[in-house]
Structure formats: structure tokens, C-alpha cells
Amino acid sequence: GVVGESGSGKSVTALSVMRLVDRPGR
């Protein structure tokens, strides 16, 4: 379980594992 307030990076971590980070992200 990954827990934390909004803005802590939880969802971006999930999208990174799925390789779904769109530009301008990398």
C-alpha cells in the first residue's frame, strides 16, 4: 500500500510503473 496526501507522488508512481507518463513528463 502506498499512502500519503494529495500531491505526494502516489499516482505518478503508478503511472511510471505502467510507463504511462506523457510528455512533458519523463
PDB file of all heavy atoms in Angstrom:
ATOM      1  N   GLY A   1       0.829  -1.192   0.000  1.00  0.00           N
ATOM      2  CA  GLY A   1       0.000   0.000   0.000  1.00  0.00           C
ATOM      3  C   GLY A   1       0.864   1.244   0.000  1.00  0.00           C
ATOM      4  O   GLY A   1       1.819   1.333   0.766  1.00  0.00           O
ATOM      5  N   VAL A   2       0.549   2.190  -0.875  1.00  0.00           N
ATOM      6  CA  VAL A   2       1.243   3.476  -0.918  1.00  0.00           C
ATOM      7  C   VAL A   2       0.251   4.527  -0.453  1.00  0.00           C
ATOM      8  O   VAL A   2      -0.823   4.694  -1.036  1.00  0.00           O
ATOM      9  CB  VAL A   2       1.762   3.809  -2.327  1.00  0.00           C
ATOM     10  CG1 VAL A   2       2.469   5.154  -2.326  1.00  0.00           C
ATOM     11  CG2 VAL A   2       2.712   2.716  -2.818  1.00  0.00           C
ATOM     12  N   VAL A   3       0.596   5.226   0.635  1.00  0.00           N
ATOM     13  CA  VAL A   3      -0.333   6.162   1.254  1.00  0.00           C
ATOM     14  C   VAL A   3       0.325   7.529   1.400  1.00  0.00           C
ATOM     15  O   VAL A   3       1.547   7.639   1.520  1.00  0.00           O
ATOM     16  CB  VAL A   3      -0.799   5.619   2.631  1.00  0.00           C
ATOM     17  CG1 VAL A   3       0.349   5.571   3.607  1.00  0.00           C
ATOM     18  CG2 VAL A   3      -1.955   6.420   3.209  1.00  0.00           C
ATOM     19  N   GLY A   4      -0.485   8.576   1.392  1.00  0.00           N
ATOM     20  CA  GLY A   4       0.029   9.931   1.548  1.00  0.00           C
ATOM     21  C   GLY A   4      -1.013  10.930   1.086  1.00  0.00           C
ATOM     22  O   GLY A   4      -2.029  10.570   0.480  1.00  0.00           O
ATOM     23  N   GLU A   5      -0.758  12.206   1.385  1.00  0.00           N
ATOM     24  CA  GLU A   5      -1.687  13.258   0.974  1.00  0.00           C
ATOM     25  C   GLU A   5      -1.660  13.447  -0.538  1.00  0.00           C
ATOM     26  O   GLU A   5      -0.757  12.990  -1.236  1.00  0.00           O
ATOM     27  CB  GLU A   5      -1.290  14.586   1.637  1.00  0.00           C
ATOM     28  CG  GLU A   5      -1.450  14.630   3.140  1.00  0.00           C
ATOM     29  CD  GLU A   5      -0.810  15.886   3.711  1.00  0.00           C
ATOM     30  OE1 GLU A   5       0.401  15.863   3.990  1.00  0.00           O
ATOM     31  OE2 GLU A   5      -1.540  16.882   3.890  1.00  0.00           O
ATOM     32  N   SER A   6      -2.669  14.155  -1.044  1.00  0.00           N
ATOM     33  CA  SER A   6      -2.669  14.550  -2.452  1.00  0.00           C
ATOM     34  C   SER A   6      -1.426  15.392  -2.733  1.00  0.00           C
ATOM     35  O   SER A   6      -1.074  16.264  -1.941  1.00  0.00           O
ATOM     36  CB  SER A   6      -3.924  15.363  -2.778  1.00  0.00           C
ATOM     37  OG  SER A   6      -5.082  14.580  -2.601  1.00  0.00           O
ATOM     38  N   GLY A   7      -0.782  15.122  -3.847  1.00  0.00           N
ATOM     39  CA  GLY A   7       0.429  15.854  -4.206  1.00  0.00           C
ATOM     40  C   GLY A   7       1.701  15.215  -3.727  1.00  0.00           C
ATOM     41  O   GLY A   7       2.792  15.755  -3.947  1.00  0.00           O
ATOM     42  N   SER A   8       1.605  14.032  -3.110  1.00  0.00           N
ATOM     43  CA  SER A   8       2.817  13.382  -2.594  1.00  0.00           C
ATOM     44  C   SER A   8       3.522  12.524  -3.641  1.00  0.00           C
ATOM     45  O   SER A   8       4.652  12.092  -3.421  1.00  0.00           O
ATOM     46  CB  SER A   8       2.483  12.527  -1.365  1.00  0.00           C
ATOM     47  OG  SER A   8       1.518  11.546  -1.679  1.00  0.00           O
ATOM     48  N   GLY A   9       2.866  12.249  -4.771  1.00  0.00           N
ATOM     49  CA  GLY A   9       3.513  11.491  -5.847  1.00  0.00           C
ATOM     50  C   GLY A   9       2.997  10.077  -6.017  1.00  0.00           C
ATOM     51  O   GLY A   9       3.567   9.303  -6.792  1.00  0.00           O
ATOM     52  N   LYS A  10       1.901   9.720  -5.359  1.00  0.00           N
ATOM     53  CA  LYS A  10       1.395   8.348  -5.399  1.00  0.00           C
ATOM     54  C   LYS A  10       0.947   7.939  -6.807  1.00  0.00           C
ATOM     55  O   LYS A  10       1.386   6.901  -7.329  1.00  0.00           O
ATOM     56  CB  LYS A  10       0.226   8.171  -4.426  1.00  0.00           C
ATOM     57  CG  LYS A  10       0.499   8.586  -2.999  1.00  0.00           C
ATOM     58  CD  LYS A  10      -0.656   8.289  -2.086  1.00  0.00           C
ATOM     59  CE  LYS A  10      -1.967   8.901  -2.500  1.00  0.00           C
ATOM     60  NZ  LYS A  10      -1.961  10.389  -2.503  1.00  0.00           N
ATOM     61  N   SER A  11       0.075   8.717  -7.413  1.00  0.00           N
ATOM     62  CA  SER A  11      -0.458   8.349  -8.725  1.00  0.00           C
ATOM     63  C   SER A  11       0.615   8.398  -9.805  1.00  0.00           C
ATOM     64  O   SER A  11       0.612   7.573 -10.728  1.00  0.00           O
ATOM     65  CB  SER A  11      -1.625   9.268  -9.102  1.00  0.00           C
ATOM     66  OG  SER A  11      -2.724   9.050  -8.240  1.00  0.00           O
ATOM     67  N   VAL A  12       1.534   9.339  -9.708  1.00  0.00           N
ATOM     68  CA  VAL A  12       2.623   9.407 -10.686  1.00  0.00           C
ATOM     69  C   VAL A  12       3.513   8.170 -10.578  1.00  0.00           C
ATOM     70  O   VAL A  12       4.020   7.662 -11.578  1.00  0.00           O
ATOM     71  CB  VAL A  12       3.459  10.700 -10.508  1.00  0.00           C
ATOM     72  CG1 VAL A  12       4.653  10.716 -11.441  1.00  0.00           C
ATOM     73  CG2 VAL A  12       2.590  11.930 -10.756  1.00  0.00           C
ATOM     74  N   THR A  13       3.663   7.640  -9.367  1.00  0.00           N
ATOM     75  CA  THR A  13       4.415   6.397  -9.185  1.00  0.00           C
ATOM     76  C   THR A  13       3.738   5.260  -9.946  1.00  0.00           C
ATOM     77  O   THR A  13       4.396   4.489 -10.657  1.00  0.00           O
ATOM     78  CB  THR A  13       4.504   6.039  -7.688  1.00  0.00           C
ATOM     79  OG1 THR A  13       5.231   7.062  -7.005  1.00  0.00           O
ATOM     80  CG2 THR A  13       5.208   4.710  -7.478  1.00  0.00           C
ATOM     81  N   ALA A  14       2.409   5.153  -9.816  1.00  0.00           N
ATOM     82  CA  ALA A  14       1.666   4.103 -10.522  1.00  0.00           C
ATOM     83  C   ALA A  14       1.788   4.258 -12.031  1.00  0.00           C
ATOM     84  O   ALA A  14       2.032   3.280 -12.759  1.00  0.00           O
ATOM     85  CB  ALA A  14       0.203   4.132 -10.098  1.00  0.00           C
ATOM     86  N   LEU A  15       1.618   5.477 -12.524  1.00  0.00           N
ATOM     87  CA  LEU A  15       1.717   5.719 -13.961  1.00  0.00           C
ATOM     88  C   LEU A  15       3.121   5.442 -14.481  1.00  0.00           C
ATOM     89  O   LEU A  15       3.302   4.994 -15.618  1.00  0.00           O
ATOM     90  CB  LEU A  15       1.309   7.157 -14.278  1.00  0.00           C
ATOM     91  CG  LEU A  15      -0.160   7.496 -14.031  1.00  0.00           C
ATOM     92  CD1 LEU A  15      -0.406   8.988 -14.230  1.00  0.00           C
ATOM     93  CD2 LEU A  15      -1.074   6.689 -14.950  1.00  0.00           C
ATOM     94  N   SER A  16       4.128   5.680 -13.636  1.00  0.00           N
ATOM     95  CA  SER A  16       5.512   5.410 -14.034  1.00  0.00           C
ATOM     96  C   SER A  16       5.741   3.913 -14.202  1.00  0.00           C
ATOM     97  O   SER A  16       6.398   3.478 -15.157  1.00  0.00           O
ATOM     98  CB  SER A  16       6.483   5.974 -12.993  1.00  0.00           C
ATOM     99  OG  SER A  16       6.347   7.371 -12.872  1.00  0.00           O
ATOM    100  N   VAL A  17       5.206   3.115 -13.278  1.00  0.00           N
ATOM    101  CA  VAL A  17       5.347   1.656 -13.383  1.00  0.00           C
ATOM    102  C   VAL A  17       4.683   1.155 -14.667  1.00  0.00           C
ATOM    103  O   VAL A  17       5.217   0.268 -15.351  1.00  0.00           O
ATOM    104  CB  VAL A  17       4.732   0.963 -12.152  1.00  0.00           C
ATOM    105  CG1 VAL A  17       4.695  -0.549 -12.341  1.00  0.00           C
ATOM    106  CG2 VAL A  17       5.533   1.304 -10.898  1.00  0.00           C
ATOM    107  N   MET A  18       3.561   1.741 -15.033  1.00  0.00           N
ATOM    108  CA  MET A  18       2.854   1.360 -16.255  1.00  0.00           C
ATOM    109  C   MET A  18       3.456   1.990 -17.511  1.00  0.00           C
ATOM    110  O   MET A  18       3.002   1.701 -18.616  1.00  0.00           O
ATOM    111  CB  MET A  18       1.384   1.776 -16.150  1.00  0.00           C
ATOM    112  CG  MET A  18       0.585   1.017 -15.108  1.00  0.00           C
ATOM    113  SD  MET A  18       0.263  -0.684 -15.574  1.00  0.00           S
ATOM    114  CE  MET A  18      -1.002  -0.494 -16.823  1.00  0.00           C
ATOM    115  N   ARG A  19       4.442   2.859 -17.333  1.00  0.00           N
ATOM    116  CA  ARG A  19       5.039   3.613 -18.442  1.00  0.00           C
ATOM    117  C   ARG A  19       3.965   4.419 -19.181  1.00  0.00           C
ATOM    118  O   ARG A  19       3.902   4.436 -20.416  1.00  0.00           O
ATOM    119  CB  ARG A  19       5.754   2.666 -19.404  1.00  0.00           C
ATOM    120  CG  ARG A  19       7.065   2.070 -18.908  1.00  0.00           C
ATOM    121  CD  ARG A  19       8.261   2.968 -19.202  1.00  0.00           C
ATOM    122  NE  ARG A  19       8.276   3.368 -20.593  1.00  0.00           N
ATOM    123  CZ  ARG A  19       8.791   2.613 -21.593  1.00  0.00           C
ATOM    124  NH1 ARG A  19       9.358   1.456 -21.303  1.00  0.00           N
ATOM    125  NH2 ARG A  19       8.759   3.040 -22.838  1.00  0.00           N
ATOM    126  N   LEU A  20       3.128   5.099 -18.414  1.00  0.00           N
ATOM    127  CA  LEU A  20       2.058   5.912 -18.979  1.00  0.00           C
ATOM    128  C   LEU A  20       2.263   7.396 -18.697  1.00  0.00           C
ATOM    129  O   LEU A  20       1.307   8.172 -18.733  1.00  0.00           O
ATOM    130  CB  LEU A  20       0.698   5.460 -18.423  1.00  0.00           C
ATOM    131  CG  LEU A  20       0.185   4.119 -18.920  1.00  0.00           C
ATOM    132  CD1 LEU A  20      -1.096   3.719 -18.188  1.00  0.00           C
ATOM    133  CD2 LEU A  20      -0.047   4.128 -20.428  1.00  0.00           C
ATOM    134  N   VAL A  21       3.477   7.785 -18.386  1.00  0.00           N
ATOM    135  CA  VAL A  21       3.773   9.196 -18.141  1.00  0.00           C
ATOM    136  C   VAL A  21       3.930   9.900 -19.491  1.00  0.00           C
ATOM    137  O   VAL A  21       4.809   9.562 -20.285  1.00  0.00           O
ATOM    138  CB  VAL A  21       5.060   9.353 -17.305  1.00  0.00           C
ATOM    139  CG1 VAL A  21       5.402  10.824 -17.127  1.00  0.00           C
ATOM    140  CG2 VAL A  21       4.894   8.677 -15.956  1.00  0.00           C
ATOM    141  N   ASP A  22       3.047  10.862 -19.745  1.00  0.00           N
ATOM    142  CA  ASP A  22       3.061  11.569 -21.023  1.00  0.00           C
ATOM    143  C   ASP A  22       3.983  12.780 -20.956  1.00  0.00           C
ATOM    144  O   ASP A  22       4.272  13.307 -19.884  1.00  0.00           O
ATOM    145  CB  ASP A  22       1.648  12.041 -21.390  1.00  0.00           C
ATOM    146  CG  ASP A  22       0.712  10.864 -21.674  1.00  0.00           C
ATOM    147  OD1 ASP A  22       1.206   9.844 -22.195  1.00  0.00           O
ATOM    148  OD2 ASP A  22      -0.488  10.986 -21.374  1.00  0.00           O
ATOM    149  N   ARG A  23       4.425  13.233 -22.108  1.00  0.00           N
ATOM    150  CA  ARG A  23       5.180  14.480 -22.177  1.00  0.00           C
ATOM    151  C   ARG A  23       4.310  15.618 -21.659  1.00  0.00           C
ATOM    152  O   ARG A  23       3.104  15.605 -21.897  1.00  0.00           O
ATOM    153  CB  ARG A  23       5.620  14.761 -23.621  1.00  0.00           C
ATOM    154  CG  ARG A  23       6.646  13.746 -24.132  1.00  0.00           C
ATOM    155  CD  ARG A  23       7.089  14.120 -25.535  1.00  0.00           C
ATOM    156  NE  ARG A  23       8.066  13.184 -26.044  1.00  0.00           N
ATOM    157  CZ  ARG A  23       9.383  13.233 -25.783  1.00  0.00           C
ATOM    158  NH1 ARG A  23       9.851  14.196 -25.028  1.00  0.00           N
ATOM    159  NH2 ARG A  23      10.208  12.341 -26.289  1.00  0.00           N
ATOM    160  N   PRO A  24       4.876  16.574 -20.936  1.00  0.00           N
ATOM    161  CA  PRO A  24       6.304  16.838 -20.753  1.00  0.00           C
ATOM    162  C   PRO A  24       6.956  16.049 -19.615  1.00  0.00           C
ATOM    163  O   PRO A  24       8.026  16.416 -19.147  1.00  0.00           O
ATOM    164  CB  PRO A  24       6.327  18.333 -20.443  1.00  0.00           C
ATOM    165  CG  PRO A  24       5.047  18.547 -19.677  1.00  0.00           C
ATOM    166  CD  PRO A  24       4.048  17.617 -20.304  1.00  0.00           C
ATOM    167  N   GLY A  25       6.313  14.965 -19.168  1.00  0.00           N
ATOM    168  CA  GLY A  25       6.908  14.163 -18.112  1.00  0.00           C
ATOM    169  C   GLY A  25       7.892  13.145 -18.668  1.00  0.00           C
ATOM    170  O   GLY A  25       7.790  12.727 -19.824  1.00  0.00           O
ATOM    171  N   ARG A  26       8.841  12.738 -17.834  1.00  0.00           N
ATOM    172  CA  ARG A  26       9.795  11.708 -18.255  1.00  0.00           C
ATOM    173  C   ARG A  26      10.327  10.985 -17.031  1.00  0.00           C
ATOM    174  O   ARG A  26      10.465  11.556 -15.950  1.00  0.00           O
ATOM    175  CB  ARG A  26      10.961  12.309 -19.054  1.00  0.00           C
ATOM    176  CG  ARG A  26      11.792  13.318 -18.287  1.00  0.00           C
ATOM    177  CD  ARG A  26      12.733  14.086 -19.205  1.00  0.00           C
ATOM    178  NE  ARG A  26      13.445  15.135 -18.495  1.00  0.00           N
ATOM    179  CZ  ARG A  26      14.693  15.017 -18.039  1.00  0.00           C
ATOM    180  NH1 ARG A  26      15.359  13.896 -18.235  1.00  0.00           N
ATOM    181  NH2 ARG A  26      15.275  16.009 -17.415  1.00  0.00           N
TER     182      ARG A  26
END
